[in-house]
Amino acid sequence: MELEKPYYSITETAEMFNVNASLLRYWEKEFPQIKPYKNKKGDRYFTRKDIETIRTIFHLTKERGFTLQGAREELKRGTPVASGTDAVVLSLERIREKLLGLQGRLDVEA
């Protein structure tokens, strides 16, 4: 997904991840890396950096099953986290290599 605006409201950000705005407010308390801009009314506006951090937290907790503490530690380590798409591509590449190896064996036997 390509981010086009400099700031996104909490509603827009929640829709990107198909979660409730309350979850984003909770994650904001739990993860110091999320620092949305707040106007005088207290409305939250997330930057691209915030959204990337939320994407990582979402991936770790919702897709990979990490606890919040585990996700917090992973973010502190700063290790790059493969997105769901990256993991699928890596898996498919491994499968392709195995299939090509099997094809090579079949060609030798034939």
N, C-alpha and C. Protein backbone atom coordinates (compact mmCIF):
# COMPACT_ATOMS: atom_id res chain seq x y z
N MET A 1 0.84 -1.17 0.00
CA MET A 1 0.00 0.00 0.00
C MET A 1 0.89 1.24 0.00
N GLU A 2 0.64 2.14 -0.88
CA GLU A 2 1.41 3.37 -1.00
C GLU A 2 0.75 4.47 -0.17
N LEU A 3 1.55 5.09 0.71
CA LEU A 3 1.05 6.18 1.52
C LEU A 3 1.27 7.48 0.76
N GLU A 4 0.22 8.27 0.63
CA GLU A 4 0.30 9.47 -0.20
C GLU A 4 0.27 10.76 0.60
N LYS A 5 -0.36 10.76 1.77
CA LYS A 5 -0.50 11.97 2.57
C LYS A 5 0.55 11.98 3.68
N PRO A 6 0.88 13.18 4.19
CA PRO A 6 1.84 13.22 5.30
C PRO A 6 1.24 12.75 6.63
N TYR A 7 -0.06 12.93 6.83
CA TYR A 7 -0.73 12.54 8.06
C TYR A 7 -2.02 11.80 7.76
N TYR A 8 -2.32 10.81 8.61
CA TYR A 8 -3.56 10.05 8.49
C TYR A 8 -4.28 10.07 9.83
N SER A 9 -5.58 10.27 9.80
CA SER A 9 -6.37 10.28 11.04
C SER A 9 -6.38 8.88 11.63
N ILE A 10 -6.81 8.81 12.88
CA ILE A 10 -6.87 7.51 13.55
C ILE A 10 -7.88 6.59 12.85
N THR A 11 -8.96 7.18 12.34
CA THR A 11 -9.96 6.39 11.62
C THR A 11 -9.38 5.81 10.34
N GLU A 12 -8.67 6.63 9.58
CA GLU A 12 -8.05 6.15 8.33
C GLU A 12 -7.02 5.06 8.63
N THR A 13 -6.23 5.28 9.67
CA THR A 13 -5.19 4.33 10.03
C THR A 13 -5.81 3.01 10.49
N ALA A 14 -6.86 3.08 11.28
CA ALA A 14 -7.54 1.86 11.74
C ALA A 14 -8.12 1.09 10.56
N GLU A 15 -8.65 1.79 9.58
CA GLU A 15 -9.21 1.13 8.40
C GLU A 15 -8.13 0.44 7.58
N MET A 16 -6.93 1.00 7.55
CA MET A 16 -5.82 0.38 6.80
C MET A 16 -5.55 -1.03 7.30
N PHE A 17 -5.70 -1.23 8.62
CA PHE A 17 -5.36 -2.51 9.23
C PHE A 17 -6.59 -3.31 9.65
N ASN A 18 -7.77 -2.76 9.36
CA ASN A 18 -9.02 -3.41 9.71
C ASN A 18 -9.08 -3.72 11.22
N VAL A 19 -8.74 -2.70 12.01
CA VAL A 19 -8.79 -2.80 13.47
C VAL A 19 -9.59 -1.62 14.01
N ASN A 20 -9.93 -1.66 15.29
CA ASN A 20 -10.62 -0.56 15.94
C ASN A 20 -9.63 0.53 16.30
N ALA A 21 -10.11 1.77 16.32
CA ALA A 21 -9.27 2.90 16.73
C ALA A 21 -8.79 2.71 18.17
N SER A 22 -9.59 2.05 18.99
CA SER A 22 -9.20 1.82 20.39
C SER A 22 -7.94 0.97 20.47
N LEU A 23 -7.77 0.03 19.55
CA LEU A 23 -6.56 -0.79 19.54
C LEU A 23 -5.34 0.08 19.24
N LEU A 24 -5.48 1.01 18.32
CA LEU A 24 -4.37 1.91 18.00
C LEU A 24 -4.02 2.79 19.20
N ARG A 25 -5.02 3.26 19.92
CA ARG A 25 -4.77 4.06 21.13
C ARG A 25 -4.06 3.22 22.18
N TYR A 26 -4.47 1.97 22.30
CA TYR A 26 -3.83 1.06 23.26
C TYR A 26 -2.37 0.81 22.87
N TRP A 27 -2.14 0.51 21.59
CA TRP A 27 -0.77 0.29 21.14
C TRP A 27 0.08 1.53 21.34
N GLU A 28 -0.51 2.70 21.20
CA GLU A 28 0.22 3.95 21.42
C GLU A 28 0.76 4.00 22.85
N LYS A 29 -0.02 3.51 23.81
CA LYS A 29 0.43 3.48 25.20
C LYS A 29 1.49 2.40 25.43
N GLU A 30 1.35 1.30 24.73
CA GLU A 30 2.24 0.15 24.94
C GLU A 30 3.57 0.26 24.19
N PHE A 31 3.60 0.98 23.10
CA PHE A 31 4.80 1.07 22.26
C PHE A 31 5.23 2.53 22.15
N PRO A 32 6.32 2.90 22.80
CA PRO A 32 6.76 4.31 22.76
C PRO A 32 7.18 4.77 21.36
N GLN A 33 7.37 3.84 20.43
CA GLN A 33 7.75 4.20 19.06
C GLN A 33 6.62 4.89 18.31
N ILE A 34 5.38 4.68 18.75
CA ILE A 34 4.23 5.30 18.08
C ILE A 34 3.97 6.64 18.75
N LYS A 35 4.19 7.70 18.00
CA LYS A 35 4.02 9.06 18.54
C LYS A 35 3.21 9.91 17.57
N PRO A 36 1.90 9.73 17.54
CA PRO A 36 1.10 10.52 16.61
C PRO A 36 1.06 11.99 17.02
N TYR A 37 0.91 12.83 16.01
CA TYR A 37 0.71 14.26 16.26
C TYR A 37 -0.70 14.42 16.81
N LYS A 38 -0.85 15.27 17.84
CA LYS A 38 -2.18 15.54 18.40
C LYS A 38 -2.44 17.04 18.29
N ASN A 39 -3.61 17.37 17.75
CA ASN A 39 -3.98 18.79 17.66
C ASN A 39 -4.54 19.25 19.01
N LYS A 40 -4.99 20.49 19.07
CA LYS A 40 -5.49 21.06 20.34
C LYS A 40 -6.70 20.30 20.87
N LYS A 41 -7.50 19.72 19.98
CA LYS A 41 -8.66 18.95 20.40
C LYS A 41 -8.27 17.55 20.89
N GLY A 42 -7.05 17.14 20.60
CA GLY A 42 -6.60 15.81 21.00
C GLY A 42 -6.74 14.76 19.91
N ASP A 43 -7.15 15.18 18.70
CA ASP A 43 -7.26 14.24 17.59
C ASP A 43 -5.86 13.75 17.20
N ARG A 44 -5.75 12.48 16.95
CA ARG A 44 -4.47 11.89 16.59
C ARG A 44 -4.30 11.86 15.09
N TYR A 45 -3.08 12.18 14.64
CA TYR A 45 -2.73 12.09 13.23
C TYR A 45 -1.40 11.35 13.14
N PHE A 46 -1.43 10.24 12.40
CA PHE A 46 -0.28 9.37 12.30
C PHE A 46 0.57 9.70 11.07
N THR A 47 1.88 9.70 11.26
CA THR A 47 2.82 9.93 10.16
C THR A 47 3.09 8.61 9.45
N ARG A 48 3.80 8.68 8.35
CA ARG A 48 4.17 7.47 7.62
C ARG A 48 5.02 6.56 8.51
N LYS A 49 5.92 7.17 9.30
CA LYS A 49 6.76 6.39 10.20
C LYS A 49 5.91 5.66 11.24
N ASP A 50 4.92 6.36 11.80
CA ASP A 50 4.01 5.72 12.76
C ASP A 50 3.29 4.54 12.11
N ILE A 51 2.84 4.74 10.89
CA ILE A 51 2.09 3.68 10.19
C ILE A 51 2.99 2.48 9.90
N GLU A 52 4.24 2.72 9.57
CA GLU A 52 5.18 1.61 9.35
C GLU A 52 5.40 0.85 10.66
N THR A 53 5.51 1.58 11.76
CA THR A 53 5.66 0.94 13.07
C THR A 53 4.41 0.13 13.40
N ILE A 54 3.24 0.69 13.15
CA ILE A 54 1.99 -0.03 13.39
C ILE A 54 1.92 -1.26 12.50
N ARG A 55 2.36 -1.14 11.26
CA ARG A 55 2.37 -2.29 10.35
C ARG A 55 3.24 -3.42 10.92
N THR A 56 4.39 -3.06 11.48
CA THR A 56 5.28 -4.05 12.07
C THR A 56 4.63 -4.69 13.29
N ILE A 57 4.03 -3.88 14.15
CA ILE A 57 3.36 -4.40 15.34
C ILE A 57 2.20 -5.30 14.94
N PHE A 58 1.43 -4.88 13.96
CA PHE A 58 0.31 -5.68 13.47
C PHE A 58 0.82 -7.03 12.97
N HIS A 59 1.89 -6.99 12.17
CA HIS A 59 2.45 -8.23 11.62
C HIS A 59 2.91 -9.16 12.74
N LEU A 60 3.62 -8.61 13.70
CA LEU A 60 4.15 -9.44 14.79
C LEU A 60 3.03 -10.02 15.65
N THR A 61 2.05 -9.20 16.00
CA THR A 61 1.02 -9.67 16.94
C THR A 61 -0.10 -10.44 16.27
N LYS A 62 -0.58 -9.95 15.14
CA LYS A 62 -1.76 -10.56 14.51
C LYS A 62 -1.41 -11.68 13.54
N GLU A 63 -0.29 -11.54 12.84
CA GLU A 63 0.05 -12.54 11.83
C GLU A 63 1.02 -13.60 12.35
N ARG A 64 1.96 -13.18 13.20
CA ARG A 64 2.96 -14.13 13.69
C ARG A 64 2.68 -14.61 15.10
N GLY A 65 1.69 -14.02 15.78
CA GLY A 65 1.27 -14.52 17.08
C GLY A 65 2.14 -14.10 18.26
N PHE A 66 2.93 -13.05 18.13
CA PHE A 66 3.74 -12.57 19.23
C PHE A 66 2.85 -11.97 20.31
N THR A 67 3.32 -12.04 21.56
CA THR A 67 2.67 -11.29 22.63
C THR A 67 3.11 -9.84 22.49
N LEU A 68 2.45 -8.94 23.22
CA LEU A 68 2.86 -7.53 23.17
C LEU A 68 4.29 -7.38 23.67
N GLN A 69 4.64 -8.10 24.73
CA GLN A 69 6.01 -8.04 25.25
C GLN A 69 7.00 -8.54 24.21
N GLY A 70 6.67 -9.63 23.54
CA GLY A 70 7.54 -10.16 22.50
C GLY A 70 7.70 -9.18 21.35
N ALA A 71 6.61 -8.55 20.94
CA ALA A 71 6.67 -7.56 19.86
C ALA A 71 7.49 -6.36 20.30
N ARG A 72 7.35 -5.94 21.56
CA ARG A 72 8.12 -4.82 22.09
C ARG A 72 9.61 -5.13 22.04
N GLU A 73 9.98 -6.34 22.44
CA GLU A 73 11.40 -6.75 22.42
C GLU A 73 11.92 -6.82 20.98
N GLU A 74 11.10 -7.33 20.09
CA GLU A 74 11.51 -7.42 18.68
C GLU A 74 11.75 -6.04 18.09
N LEU A 75 10.90 -5.08 18.42
CA LEU A 75 11.08 -3.71 17.94
C LEU A 75 12.33 -3.08 18.54
N LYS A 76 12.61 -3.36 19.81
CA LYS A 76 13.82 -2.82 20.45
C LYS A 76 15.07 -3.35 19.78
N ARG A 77 15.05 -4.63 19.41
CA ARG A 77 16.19 -5.24 18.72
C ARG A 77 16.46 -4.58 17.38
N GLY A 78 15.40 -4.11 16.77
CA GLY A 78 15.54 -3.45 15.48
C GLY A 78 15.79 -4.40 14.33
N THR A 79 15.55 -5.69 14.54
CA THR A 79 15.74 -6.64 13.45
C THR A 79 14.63 -6.45 12.43
N PRO A 80 14.98 -6.46 11.16
CA PRO A 80 13.93 -6.30 10.15
C PRO A 80 12.96 -7.46 10.20
N VAL A 81 11.69 -7.12 10.13
CA VAL A 81 10.63 -8.12 10.19
C VAL A 81 10.08 -8.31 8.79
N ALA A 82 10.11 -9.53 8.33
CA ALA A 82 9.56 -9.81 7.00
C ALA A 82 8.05 -9.66 7.05
N SER A 83 7.51 -9.00 6.05
CA SER A 83 6.05 -8.88 6.00
C SER A 83 5.48 -10.22 5.57
N GLY A 84 4.19 -10.36 5.69
CA GLY A 84 3.54 -11.59 5.30
C GLY A 84 3.83 -11.95 3.86
N THR A 85 3.87 -10.96 2.98
CA THR A 85 4.16 -11.19 1.57
C THR A 85 5.59 -11.69 1.39
N ASP A 86 6.54 -11.08 2.10
CA ASP A 86 7.93 -11.50 2.00
C ASP A 86 8.10 -12.95 2.43
N ALA A 87 7.43 -13.32 3.50
CA ALA A 87 7.52 -14.69 3.99
C ALA A 87 6.96 -15.68 2.98
N VAL A 88 5.87 -15.33 2.33
CA VAL A 88 5.28 -16.20 1.31
C VAL A 88 6.23 -16.35 0.12
N VAL A 89 6.83 -15.25 -0.30
CA VAL A 89 7.76 -15.30 -1.44
C VAL A 89 8.95 -16.20 -1.11
N LEU A 90 9.51 -16.04 0.10
CA LEU A 90 10.64 -16.89 0.50
C LEU A 90 10.25 -18.36 0.52
N SER A 91 9.07 -18.64 1.04
CA SER A 91 8.59 -20.01 1.09
C SER A 91 8.41 -20.59 -0.31
N LEU A 92 7.82 -19.81 -1.20
CA LEU A 92 7.61 -20.27 -2.58
C LEU A 92 8.94 -20.49 -3.30
N GLU A 93 9.93 -19.65 -3.03
CA GLU A 93 11.24 -19.84 -3.65
C GLU A 93 11.88 -21.15 -3.20
N ARG A 94 11.74 -21.47 -1.91
CA ARG A 94 12.28 -22.74 -1.40
C ARG A 94 11.57 -23.93 -2.05
N ILE A 95 10.27 -23.84 -2.17
CA ILE A 95 9.50 -24.92 -2.79
C ILE A 95 9.93 -25.09 -4.25
N ARG A 96 10.13 -23.97 -4.94
CA ARG A 96 10.55 -24.02 -6.35
C ARG A 96 11.90 -24.73 -6.48
N GLU A 97 12.84 -24.41 -5.58
CA GLU A 97 14.15 -25.06 -5.62
C GLU A 97 14.03 -26.56 -5.43
N LYS A 98 13.18 -26.99 -4.49
CA LYS A 98 12.97 -28.42 -4.26
C LYS A 98 12.36 -29.09 -5.48
N LEU A 99 11.38 -28.43 -6.09
CA LEU A 99 10.74 -29.00 -7.27
C LEU A 99 11.71 -29.11 -8.43
N LEU A 100 12.54 -28.10 -8.62
CA LEU A 100 13.54 -28.16 -9.69
C LEU A 100 14.54 -29.29 -9.43
N GLY A 101 14.90 -29.50 -8.17
CA GLY A 101 15.78 -30.62 -7.82
C GLY A 101 15.15 -31.94 -8.14
N LEU A 102 13.87 -32.10 -7.83
CA LEU A 102 13.15 -33.33 -8.16
C LEU A 102 13.04 -33.52 -9.66
N GLN A 103 12.79 -32.43 -10.38
CA GLN A 103 12.71 -32.52 -11.84
C GLN A 103 14.05 -32.98 -12.41
N GLY A 104 15.13 -32.47 -11.88
CA GLY A 104 16.46 -32.87 -12.34
C GLY A 104 16.71 -34.33 -12.11
N ARG A 105 16.28 -34.86 -10.98
CA ARG A 105 16.44 -36.29 -10.69
C ARG A 105 15.61 -37.13 -11.66
N LEU A 106 14.38 -36.67 -11.94
CA LEU A 106 13.52 -37.42 -12.86
C LEU A 106 14.10 -37.43 -14.27
N ASP A 107 14.69 -36.30 -14.69
CA ASP A 107 15.29 -36.23 -16.03
C ASP A 107 16.48 -37.18 -16.14
N VAL A 108 17.26 -37.35 -15.08
CA VAL A 108 18.42 -38.22 -15.08
C VAL A 108 17.97 -39.67 -15.18
N GLU A 109 16.89 -40.03 -14.47
CA GLU A 109 16.39 -41.41 -14.46
C GLU A 109 15.71 -41.79 -15.77
N ALA A 110 15.20 -40.83 -16.50
CA ALA A 110 14.43 -41.13 -17.71
C ALA A 110 15.29 -41.41 -18.89
